C-alpha atoms as a PDB file:
ATOM      1  CA  MET A   1      75.634  72.127  25.553  1.00  0.00           C
ATOM      2  CA  ARG A   2      73.234  71.209  23.162  1.00  0.00           C
ATOM      3  CA  LEU A   3      70.414  69.364  25.396  1.00  0.00           C
ATOM      4  CA  ARG A   4      67.721  67.974  22.786  1.00  0.00           C
ATOM      5  CA  THR A   5      64.858  65.487  23.559  1.00  0.00           C
ATOM      6  CA  PRO A   6      64.692  62.016  22.212  1.00  0.00           C
ATOM      7  CA  LYS A   7      62.978  62.566  19.022  1.00  0.00           C
ATOM      8  CA  LEU A   8      64.907  66.109  18.058  1.00  0.00           C
ATOM      9  CA  ALA A   9      67.967  64.022  18.858  1.00  0.00           C
ATOM     10  CA  CYS A  10      67.420  61.585  16.684  1.00  0.00           C
ATOM     11  CA  LYS A  11      65.791  64.165  13.887  1.00  0.00           C
ATOM     12  CA  GLU A  12      69.228  66.054  14.272  1.00  0.00           C
ATOM     13  CA  LEU A  13      71.600  63.633  14.062  1.00  0.00           C
ATOM     14  CA  LYS A  14      69.223  61.230  11.267  1.00  0.00           C
ATOM     15  CA  ILE A  15      69.179  58.204  13.382  1.00  0.00           C
ATOM     16  CA  SER A  16      66.352  55.878  14.861  1.00  0.00           C
ATOM     17  CA  LEU A  17      65.681  55.784  18.975  1.00  0.00           C
ATOM     18  CA  LYS A  18      67.146  52.509  19.187  1.00  0.00           C
ATOM     19  CA  THR A  19      70.462  54.049  17.907  1.00  0.00           C
ATOM     20  CA  LEU A  20      70.200  56.773  19.961  1.00  0.00           C
ATOM     21  CA  GLU A  21      69.707  54.569  22.981  1.00  0.00           C
ATOM     22  CA  TYR A  22      72.352  52.159  22.052  1.00  0.00           C
ATOM     23  CA  LEU A  23      74.796  55.106  21.865  1.00  0.00           C
ATOM     24  CA  HIS A  24      73.734  56.228  25.108  1.00  0.00           C
ATOM     25  CA  GLU A  25      74.252  52.590  26.665  1.00  0.00           C
ATOM     26  CA  GLN A  26      77.797  52.741  25.223  1.00  0.00           C
ATOM     27  CA  GLY A  27      78.656  56.683  27.058  1.00  0.00           C
ATOM     28  CA  ILE A  28      78.985  57.959  23.524  1.00  0.00           C
ATOM     29  CA  ILE A  29      76.179  60.252  24.042  1.00  0.00           C
ATOM     30  CA  GLU A  30      75.067  61.655  27.703  1.00  0.00           C
ATOM     31  CA  ALA A  31      72.023  62.235  28.867  1.00  0.00           C
ATOM     32  CA  VAL A  32      70.416  64.170  31.439  1.00  0.00           C
ATOM     33  CA  VAL A  33      67.768  63.666  33.452  1.00  0.00           C
ATOM     34  CA  THR A  34      65.379  67.381  34.259  1.00  0.00           C
ATOM     35  CA  SER A  35      63.492  67.945  37.231  1.00  0.00           C
ATOM     36  CA  ASN A  36      60.333  67.068  35.771  1.00  0.00           C
ATOM     37  CA  GLY A  37      61.615  63.746  34.808  1.00  0.00           C
ATOM     38  CA  VAL A  38      61.976  64.188  31.616  1.00  0.00           C
ATOM     39  CA  ARG A  39      65.330  62.770  29.231  1.00  0.00           C
ATOM     40  CA  ARG A  40      67.454  65.248  27.325  1.00  0.00           C
ATOM     41  CA  PHE A  41      70.628  63.983  25.440  1.00  0.00           C
ATOM     42  CA  ASP A  42      73.625  66.096  25.163  1.00  0.00           C
ATOM     43  CA  LEU A  43      74.903  66.429  21.800  1.00  0.00           C
ATOM     44  CA  ASP A  44      77.630  68.195  22.408  1.00  0.00           C
ATOM     45  CA  SER A  45      79.251  65.477  24.577  1.00  0.00           C
ATOM     46  CA  ILE A  46      79.632  63.197  21.260  1.00  0.00           C
ATOM     47  CA  ALA A  47      82.910  64.973  20.638  1.00  0.00           C
ATOM     48  CA  SER A  48      83.972  64.932  24.079  1.00  0.00           C
ATOM     49  CA  LYS A  49      87.880  64.117  24.747  1.00  0.00           C
ATOM     50  CA  LYS A  50      86.929  60.720  26.398  1.00  0.00           C
ATOM     51  CA  ASN A  51      85.036  59.456  23.386  1.00  0.00           C
ATOM     52  CA  LYS A  52      87.988  60.199  21.364  1.00  0.00           C
ATOM     53  CA  SER A  53      89.135  56.563  20.053  1.00  0.00           C
ATOM     54  CA  ARG A  54      85.408  56.334  19.621  1.00  0.00           C
ATOM     55  CA  LEU A  55      84.620  59.204  17.188  1.00  0.00           C
ATOM     56  CA  ALA A  56      87.211  57.454  14.627  1.00  0.00           C
ATOM     57  CA  ASN A  57      84.486  54.602  14.117  1.00  0.00           C
ATOM     58  CA  LEU A  58      81.364  56.819  13.947  1.00  0.00           C
ATOM     59  CA  PRO A  59      79.470  57.431  11.111  1.00  0.00           C
ATOM     60  CA  PRO A  60      80.039  60.661   9.154  1.00  0.00           C
ATOM     61  CA  ALA A  61      76.682  61.935   9.846  1.00  0.00           C
ATOM     62  CA  LEU A  62      77.179  61.655  13.384  1.00  0.00           C
ATOM     63  CA  ASP A  63      80.300  63.671  13.920  1.00  0.00           C
ATOM     64  CA  PRO A  64      79.775  67.615  13.641  1.00  0.00           C
ATOM     65  CA  TYR A  65      83.382  68.339  13.261  1.00  0.00           C
ATOM     66  CA  ARG A  66      84.079  65.928   9.861  1.00  0.00           C
ATOM     67  CA  PRO A  67      83.461  67.599   6.546  1.00  0.00           C
ATOM     68  CA  HIS A  68      79.828  67.654   5.494  1.00  0.00           C
ATOM     69  CA  TRP A  69      80.297  67.885   1.564  1.00  0.00           C
ATOM     70  CA  VAL A  70      77.211  68.791  -0.235  1.00  0.00           C
ATOM     71  CA  THR A  71      76.310  70.169  -3.860  1.00  0.00           C
ATOM     72  CA  PRO A  72      75.843  73.975  -4.354  1.00  0.00           C
ATOM     73  CA  LYS A  73      72.351  73.466  -4.546  1.00  0.00           C
ATOM     74  CA  GLN A  74      72.405  71.725  -0.768  1.00  0.00           C
ATOM     75  CA  ALA A  75      74.789  74.240   0.534  1.00  0.00           C
ATOM     76  CA  ARG A  76      72.408  77.471  -0.552  1.00  0.00           C
ATOM     77  CA  GLU A  77      69.243  75.464   0.714  1.00  0.00           C
ATOM     78  CA  ILE A  78      71.106  74.774   4.112  1.00  0.00           C
ATOM     79  CA  LEU A  79      72.560  78.235   4.709  1.00  0.00           C
ATOM     80  CA  GLY A  80      69.964  80.368   2.919  1.00  0.00           C
ATOM     81  CA  VAL A  81      71.825  82.354   0.292  1.00  0.00           C
ATOM     82  CA  SER A  82      72.325  83.006  -3.217  1.00  0.00           C
ATOM     83  CA  ASN A  83      74.986  81.224  -5.836  1.00  0.00           C
ATOM     84  CA  PRO A  84      76.714  84.310  -5.916  1.00  0.00           C
ATOM     85  CA  THR A  85      77.200  84.897  -2.229  1.00  0.00           C
ATOM     86  CA  LEU A  86      78.146  81.282  -1.619  1.00  0.00           C
ATOM     87  CA  ILE A  87      80.762  81.851  -4.628  1.00  0.00           C
ATOM     88  CA  SER A  88      81.694  84.878  -2.875  1.00  0.00           C
ATOM     89  CA  TRP A  89      82.140  83.566   0.478  1.00  0.00           C
ATOM     90  CA  GLU A  90      84.477  80.086  -1.407  1.00  0.00           C
ATOM     91  CA  LYS A  91      86.983  83.059  -2.867  1.00  0.00           C
ATOM     92  CA  GLN A  92      87.164  85.196   0.639  1.00  0.00           C
ATOM     93  CA  GLY A  93      87.771  81.508   2.165  1.00  0.00           C
ATOM     94  CA  LYS A  94      84.740  81.439   4.417  1.00  0.00           C
ATOM     95  CA  ILE A  95      83.289  78.121   3.439  1.00  0.00           C
ATOM     96  CA  LEU A  96      85.681  75.375   2.308  1.00  0.00           C
ATOM     97  CA  CYS A  97      85.040  73.898  -0.901  1.00  0.00           C
ATOM     98  CA  ARG A  98      86.851  71.170  -3.418  1.00  0.00           C
ATOM     99  CA  ARG A  99      86.629  69.799  -6.684  1.00  0.00           C
ATOM    100  CA  MET A 100      85.136  66.561  -7.718  1.00  0.00           C
ATOM    101  CA  PRO A 101      86.955  64.529 -10.412  1.00  0.00           C
ATOM    102  CA  ASN A 102      84.092  65.551 -12.819  1.00  0.00           C
ATOM    103  CA  ASN A 103      84.999  69.316 -11.496  1.00  0.00           C
ATOM    104  CA  TYR A 104      81.849  69.952 -10.124  1.00  0.00           C
ATOM    105  CA  ARG A 105      82.422  72.168  -6.963  1.00  0.00           C
ATOM    106  CA  VAL A 106      81.273  70.279  -3.460  1.00  0.00           C
ATOM    107  CA  TYR A 107      80.816  72.653   0.284  1.00  0.00           C
ATOM    108  CA  ASP A 108      81.652  71.827   3.851  1.00  0.00           C
ATOM    109  CA  VAL A 109      78.537  73.450   5.355  1.00  0.00           C
ATOM    110  CA  ASN A 110      80.569  72.947   8.669  1.00  0.00           C
ATOM    111  CA  SER A 111      83.363  74.776   7.906  1.00  0.00           C
ATOM    112  CA  LEU A 112      81.590  78.280   7.612  1.00  0.00           C
ATOM    113  CA  ARG A 113      83.413  81.028   9.669  1.00  0.00           C
ATOM    114  CA  PHE A 114      81.114  83.831  10.694  1.00  0.00           C
ATOM    115  CA  ASP A 115      81.866  87.425  11.387  1.00  0.00           C
ATOM    116  CA  GLU A 116      80.672  90.631  11.319  1.00  0.00           C
ATOM    117  CA  GLU A 117      80.729  91.295   7.172  1.00  0.00           C
ATOM    118  CA  THR A 118      79.079  87.499   6.854  1.00  0.00           C
ATOM    119  CA  LEU A 119      76.354  88.175   8.666  1.00  0.00           C
END
């Protein structure tokens, strides 16, 4: 369970508060009220099985399981690694990479597989 305050949930999902409330009303995101009355949103509830049909209609930014293709520079900044490390991980199959029609690389940062050597 990834419980977040409304403000943090909006920031992480890159959506407005109104959109977050709408998704909650539609049952796509579950909210938990803590003992002190503060609402927390469960971001993992987006991918629950009962919402499977709705996931097909979600924008890619809201679905953590869809590929999130970024440029090598963005991937290095997100992952905090150097260019040789990123290329090494690509060769070892630890991160998905594909080529665009102009032959540039793009990486799927959601596909990164960690093991003892990666850390």
